[in-house]
Amino acid sequence: MEDIRTDAEIARLIAQSKVLPADHELLFRPKPKRGHKEADLDVPAENGSKFVLLVREADDNPLDFSAILFYEPPGGGKRFCLRRYNGKSHEHTNAIERERLPYEFHIHYMTERYQRRHGSKPDGFAVVTDRYGDVKTALECLISDCNFVVAPENKTLFSGPPVGDE
């Protein structure tokens, strides 16, 4: 069985202070991809590891988005998804609980239980939320929930036109 992250380790990674680079506004700009726009930003962490913020938004549906926090262990180990803040574009089922979530905004959490269940995504557990309503506020929730440090004068990440649209 591959490396399982315990709930305690996941909680420690979420609680770890993550300092955004001073020029994160310039680095975190959406780029056009096939059918969506996407932006990502590496945030260095301890011991050569890093966190990666990734945001995707469909071109044809502003409710089809994800704001994601990945962790990449030192030495270029395989990155894994700690949290995923999804839009209101699909239903989700928590496989272990056999619970179907309504067609609503929802947050995915990596858990030890879901890592151990064969065939499940490590972040397969999700809960419905009303804390955000678009990709920008989803990212703000992620930043707040996951202990990012943002300079007071520069509180937004997903801003400006996509690269090439200036």
C-alpha atoms as a PDB file:
ATOM      1  CA  MET A   1       0.000   0.000   0.000  1.00  0.00           C
ATOM      2  CA  GLU A   2       1.290   3.441  -0.832  1.00  0.00           C
ATOM      3  CA  ASP A   3       2.131   6.100   1.734  1.00  0.00           C
ATOM      4  CA  ILE A   4      -0.934   7.011   3.823  1.00  0.00           C
ATOM      5  CA  ARG A   5      -1.113  10.480   5.382  1.00  0.00           C
ATOM      6  CA  THR A   6      -2.679  10.382   8.837  1.00  0.00           C
ATOM      7  CA  ASP A   7      -5.419  12.804   9.822  1.00  0.00           C
ATOM      8  CA  ALA A   8      -2.937  14.326  12.313  1.00  0.00           C
ATOM      9  CA  GLU A   9      -0.377  14.917   9.535  1.00  0.00           C
ATOM     10  CA  ILE A  10      -3.051  16.409   7.273  1.00  0.00           C
ATOM     11  CA  ALA A  11      -4.155  18.745  10.092  1.00  0.00           C
ATOM     12  CA  ARG A  12      -0.517  19.772  10.694  1.00  0.00           C
ATOM     13  CA  LEU A  13      -0.052  20.604   7.004  1.00  0.00           C
ATOM     14  CA  ILE A  14      -3.263  22.649   6.921  1.00  0.00           C
ATOM     15  CA  ALA A  15      -2.254  24.505  10.114  1.00  0.00           C
ATOM     16  CA  GLN A  16       1.268  25.231   8.871  1.00  0.00           C
ATOM     17  CA  SER A  17       1.762  28.915   8.069  1.00  0.00           C
ATOM     18  CA  LYS A  18       2.003  29.447   4.310  1.00  0.00           C
ATOM     19  CA  VAL A  19       3.540  32.764   3.319  1.00  0.00           C
ATOM     20  CA  LEU A  20       2.522  34.027  -0.099  1.00  0.00           C
ATOM     21  CA  PRO A  21       5.337  35.631  -2.122  1.00  0.00           C
ATOM     22  CA  ALA A  22       5.268  39.438  -2.301  1.00  0.00           C
ATOM     23  CA  ASP A  23       4.637  39.327  -6.063  1.00  0.00           C
ATOM     24  CA  HIS A  24       1.930  36.648  -5.916  1.00  0.00           C
ATOM     25  CA  GLU A  25      -0.547  38.872  -7.798  1.00  0.00           C
ATOM     26  CA  LEU A  26       1.725  38.844 -10.848  1.00  0.00           C
ATOM     27  CA  LEU A  27       2.514  35.136 -10.555  1.00  0.00           C
ATOM     28  CA  PHE A  28      -1.059  33.957 -10.018  1.00  0.00           C
ATOM     29  CA  ARG A  29      -2.733  34.972 -13.265  1.00  0.00           C
ATOM     30  CA  PRO A  30      -5.221  32.756 -15.117  1.00  0.00           C
ATOM     31  CA  LYS A  31      -4.035  31.331 -18.422  1.00  0.00           C
ATOM     32  CA  PRO A  32      -6.345  30.023 -21.120  1.00  0.00           C
ATOM     33  CA  LYS A  33      -6.419  26.232 -21.408  1.00  0.00           C
ATOM     34  CA  ARG A  34      -8.679  23.921 -23.361  1.00  0.00           C
ATOM     35  CA  GLY A  35     -12.202  24.941 -22.308  1.00  0.00           C
ATOM     36  CA  HIS A  36     -11.147  26.671 -19.103  1.00  0.00           C
ATOM     37  CA  LYS A  37      -8.676  29.072 -17.571  1.00  0.00           C
ATOM     38  CA  GLU A  38      -6.205  28.002 -14.925  1.00  0.00           C
ATOM     39  CA  ALA A  39      -3.656  29.526 -12.583  1.00  0.00           C
ATOM     40  CA  ASP A  40      -1.227  27.967 -10.152  1.00  0.00           C
ATOM     41  CA  LEU A  41       1.253  29.237  -7.615  1.00  0.00           C
ATOM     42  CA  ASP A  42       4.023  27.423  -5.737  1.00  0.00           C
ATOM     43  CA  VAL A  43       4.413  28.429  -2.085  1.00  0.00           C
ATOM     44  CA  PRO A  44       7.678  27.189  -0.552  1.00  0.00           C
ATOM     45  CA  ALA A  45       7.419  25.324   2.764  1.00  0.00           C
ATOM     46  CA  GLU A  46       9.786  23.722   5.237  1.00  0.00           C
ATOM     47  CA  ASN A  47      12.478  21.184   4.308  1.00  0.00           C
ATOM     48  CA  GLY A  48      12.228  21.775   0.568  1.00  0.00           C
ATOM     49  CA  SER A  49       8.556  20.889   0.372  1.00  0.00           C
ATOM     50  CA  LYS A  50       5.956  23.173  -1.155  1.00  0.00           C
ATOM     51  CA  PHE A  51       2.273  23.932  -1.282  1.00  0.00           C
ATOM     52  CA  VAL A  52       0.625  24.561  -4.632  1.00  0.00           C
ATOM     53  CA  LEU A  53      -2.476  26.699  -5.082  1.00  0.00           C
ATOM     54  CA  LEU A  54      -4.373  25.890  -8.262  1.00  0.00           C
ATOM     55  CA  VAL A  55      -7.551  27.504  -9.562  1.00  0.00           C
ATOM     56  CA  ARG A  56      -9.563  26.339 -12.568  1.00  0.00           C
ATOM     57  CA  GLU A  57     -12.701  27.899 -14.033  1.00  0.00           C
ATOM     58  CA  ALA A  58     -14.672  26.696 -17.063  1.00  0.00           C
ATOM     59  CA  ASP A  59     -15.039  29.159 -19.910  1.00  0.00           C
ATOM     60  CA  ASP A  60     -18.732  28.429 -20.419  1.00  0.00           C
ATOM     61  CA  ASN A  61     -19.929  28.072 -16.815  1.00  0.00           C
ATOM     62  CA  PRO A  62     -18.745  30.355 -13.990  1.00  0.00           C
ATOM     63  CA  LEU A  63     -20.124  27.852 -11.436  1.00  0.00           C
ATOM     64  CA  ASP A  64     -17.820  25.099 -12.758  1.00  0.00           C
ATOM     65  CA  PHE A  65     -14.603  25.782 -10.846  1.00  0.00           C
ATOM     66  CA  SER A  66     -12.147  24.430  -8.311  1.00  0.00           C
ATOM     67  CA  ALA A  67      -9.768  26.150  -5.914  1.00  0.00           C
ATOM     68  CA  ILE A  68      -7.275  23.513  -4.781  1.00  0.00           C
ATOM     69  CA  LEU A  69      -4.487  23.199  -2.226  1.00  0.00           C
ATOM     70  CA  PHE A  70      -1.835  20.584  -3.014  1.00  0.00           C
ATOM     71  CA  TYR A  71       1.170  19.584  -0.938  1.00  0.00           C
ATOM     72  CA  GLU A  72       4.374  18.331  -2.545  1.00  0.00           C
ATOM     73  CA  PRO A  73       6.830  16.567  -0.210  1.00  0.00           C
ATOM     74  CA  PRO A  74      10.562  17.373  -0.312  1.00  0.00           C
ATOM     75  CA  GLY A  75      12.595  15.782  -3.063  1.00  0.00           C
ATOM     76  CA  GLY A  76       9.820  16.055  -5.655  1.00  0.00           C
ATOM     77  CA  GLY A  77       7.619  13.363  -4.145  1.00  0.00           C
ATOM     78  CA  LYS A  78       4.130  12.922  -5.563  1.00  0.00           C
ATOM     79  CA  ARG A  79       1.925  15.866  -4.686  1.00  0.00           C
ATOM     80  CA  PHE A  80      -1.448  15.270  -3.116  1.00  0.00           C
ATOM     81  CA  CYS A  81      -4.620  17.281  -2.715  1.00  0.00           C
ATOM     82  CA  LEU A  82      -5.344  18.498   0.829  1.00  0.00           C
ATOM     83  CA  ARG A  83      -8.444  20.571   0.047  1.00  0.00           C
ATOM     84  CA  ARG A  84     -10.618  21.268  -2.969  1.00  0.00           C
ATOM     85  CA  TYR A  85     -13.291  23.981  -3.034  1.00  0.00           C
ATOM     86  CA  ASN A  86     -15.670  23.102  -5.863  1.00  0.00           C
ATOM     87  CA  GLY A  87     -18.340  25.057  -7.638  1.00  0.00           C
ATOM     88  CA  LYS A  88     -22.010  24.294  -8.011  1.00  0.00           C
ATOM     89  CA  SER A  89     -21.637  22.373 -11.270  1.00  0.00           C
ATOM     90  CA  HIS A  90     -22.102  18.723 -10.317  1.00  0.00           C
ATOM     91  CA  GLU A  91     -23.360  16.374  -7.630  1.00  0.00           C
ATOM     92  CA  HIS A  92     -20.967  14.558  -5.334  1.00  0.00           C
ATOM     93  CA  THR A  93     -21.326  11.310  -3.406  1.00  0.00           C
ATOM     94  CA  ASN A  94     -19.324  10.499  -0.282  1.00  0.00           C
ATOM     95  CA  ALA A  95     -18.624   6.851  -1.130  1.00  0.00           C
ATOM     96  CA  ILE A  96     -17.936   5.511   2.378  1.00  0.00           C
ATOM     97  CA  GLU A  97     -20.996   7.156   3.905  1.00  0.00           C
ATOM     98  CA  ARG A  98     -23.083   6.485   0.786  1.00  0.00           C
ATOM     99  CA  GLU A  99     -24.272  10.062   1.067  1.00  0.00           C
ATOM    100  CA  ARG A 100     -25.234  11.964  -2.065  1.00  0.00           C
ATOM    101  CA  LEU A 101     -24.685  15.711  -1.735  1.00  0.00           C
ATOM    102  CA  PRO A 102     -27.060  18.084  -3.496  1.00  0.00           C
ATOM    103  CA  TYR A 103     -26.069  20.148  -6.490  1.00  0.00           C
ATOM    104  CA  GLU A 104     -24.334  22.783  -4.332  1.00  0.00           C
ATOM    105  CA  PHE A 105     -20.958  24.347  -3.605  1.00  0.00           C
ATOM    106  CA  HIS A 106     -18.868  21.852  -1.639  1.00  0.00           C
ATOM    107  CA  ILE A 107     -15.450  21.425  -0.049  1.00  0.00           C
ATOM    108  CA  HIS A 108     -13.407  18.232  -0.368  1.00  0.00           C
ATOM    109  CA  TYR A 109     -11.132  17.103   2.454  1.00  0.00           C
ATOM    110  CA  MET A 110      -8.259  14.629   2.277  1.00  0.00           C
ATOM    111  CA  THR A 111      -8.800  12.028   5.003  1.00  0.00           C
ATOM    112  CA  GLU A 112      -6.994   8.948   6.212  1.00  0.00           C
ATOM    113  CA  ARG A 113     -10.198   6.913   5.837  1.00  0.00           C
ATOM    114  CA  TYR A 114     -10.621   7.761   2.169  1.00  0.00           C
ATOM    115  CA  GLN A 115      -6.952   7.046   1.442  1.00  0.00           C
ATOM    116  CA  ARG A 116      -7.378   3.555   2.891  1.00  0.00           C
ATOM    117  CA  ARG A 117     -10.542   2.757   0.892  1.00  0.00           C
ATOM    118  CA  HIS A 118      -9.613   1.106  -2.378  1.00  0.00           C
ATOM    119  CA  GLY A 119     -10.951   2.997  -5.365  1.00  0.00           C
ATOM    120  CA  SER A 120     -11.628   6.243  -3.504  1.00  0.00           C
ATOM    121  CA  LYS A 121      -9.897   9.545  -4.044  1.00  0.00           C
ATOM    122  CA  PRO A 122      -7.903  10.604  -0.962  1.00  0.00           C
ATOM    123  CA  ASP A 123      -9.962  13.835  -0.950  1.00  0.00           C
ATOM    124  CA  GLY A 124     -13.213  12.022  -1.713  1.00  0.00           C
ATOM    125  CA  PHE A 125     -15.047  13.237   1.396  1.00  0.00           C
ATOM    126  CA  ALA A 126     -16.926  16.522   0.864  1.00  0.00           C
ATOM    127  CA  VAL A 127     -19.355  18.778   2.704  1.00  0.00           C
ATOM    128  CA  VAL A 128     -21.813  21.312   1.299  1.00  0.00           C
ATOM    129  CA  THR A 129     -21.028  24.953   2.027  1.00  0.00           C
ATOM    130  CA  ASP A 130     -22.655  28.348   1.610  1.00  0.00           C
ATOM    131  CA  ARG A 131     -19.445  30.252   2.421  1.00  0.00           C
ATOM    132  CA  TYR A 132     -18.657  31.112  -1.189  1.00  0.00           C
ATOM    133  CA  GLY A 133     -20.500  31.639  -4.454  1.00  0.00           C
ATOM    134  CA  ASP A 134     -17.788  32.051  -7.069  1.00  0.00           C
ATOM    135  CA  VAL A 135     -14.173  31.158  -7.748  1.00  0.00           C
ATOM    136  CA  LYS A 136     -12.783  34.321  -6.099  1.00  0.00           C
ATOM    137  CA  THR A 137     -14.605  33.820  -2.811  1.00  0.00           C
ATOM    138  CA  ALA A 138     -13.811  30.075  -2.880  1.00  0.00           C
ATOM    139  CA  LEU A 139     -10.126  30.965  -3.091  1.00  0.00           C
ATOM    140  CA  GLU A 140     -10.534  33.466  -0.248  1.00  0.00           C
ATOM    141  CA  CYS A 141     -12.084  30.692   1.892  1.00  0.00           C
ATOM    142  CA  LEU A 142      -9.235  28.326   1.043  1.00  0.00           C
ATOM    143  CA  ILE A 143      -6.656  30.973   1.956  1.00  0.00           C
ATOM    144  CA  SER A 144      -8.415  31.679   5.254  1.00  0.00           C
ATOM    145  CA  ASP A 145      -9.071  28.028   6.152  1.00  0.00           C
ATOM    146  CA  CYS A 146      -5.580  26.804   5.293  1.00  0.00           C
ATOM    147  CA  ASN A 147      -3.499  29.400   7.160  1.00  0.00           C
ATOM    148  CA  PHE A 148      -2.068  31.476   4.315  1.00  0.00           C
ATOM    149  CA  VAL A 149      -0.396  34.751   5.199  1.00  0.00           C
ATOM    150  CA  VAL A 150      -1.384  37.542   2.809  1.00  0.00           C
ATOM    151  CA  ALA A 151      -0.052  41.087   2.975  1.00  0.00           C
ATOM    152  CA  PRO A 152      -2.915  43.410   4.056  1.00  0.00           C
ATOM    153  CA  GLU A 153      -2.453  45.650   1.012  1.00  0.00           C
ATOM    154  CA  ASN A 154      -2.773  42.710  -1.372  1.00  0.00           C
ATOM    155  CA  LYS A 155      -5.704  40.506  -0.330  1.00  0.00           C
ATOM    156  CA  THR A 156      -6.810  39.054  -3.669  1.00  0.00           C
ATOM    157  CA  LEU A 157      -5.119  36.450  -5.829  1.00  0.00           C
ATOM    158  CA  PHE A 158      -7.381  35.710  -8.771  1.00  0.00           C
ATOM    159  CA  SER A 159      -7.357  39.129 -10.373  1.00  0.00           C
ATOM    160  CA  GLY A 160      -6.715  40.807 -13.649  1.00  0.00           C
ATOM    161  CA  PRO A 161      -7.352  39.538 -17.139  1.00  0.00           C
ATOM    162  CA  PRO A 162      -5.950  36.191 -18.246  1.00  0.00           C
ATOM    163  CA  VAL A 163      -2.433  36.328 -19.665  1.00  0.00           C
ATOM    164  CA  GLY A 164      -2.680  37.331 -23.310  1.00  0.00           C
ATOM    165  CA  ASP A 165      -5.917  39.295 -22.774  1.00  0.00           C
ATOM    166  CA  GLU A 166      -4.290  42.538 -21.638  1.00  0.00           C
END
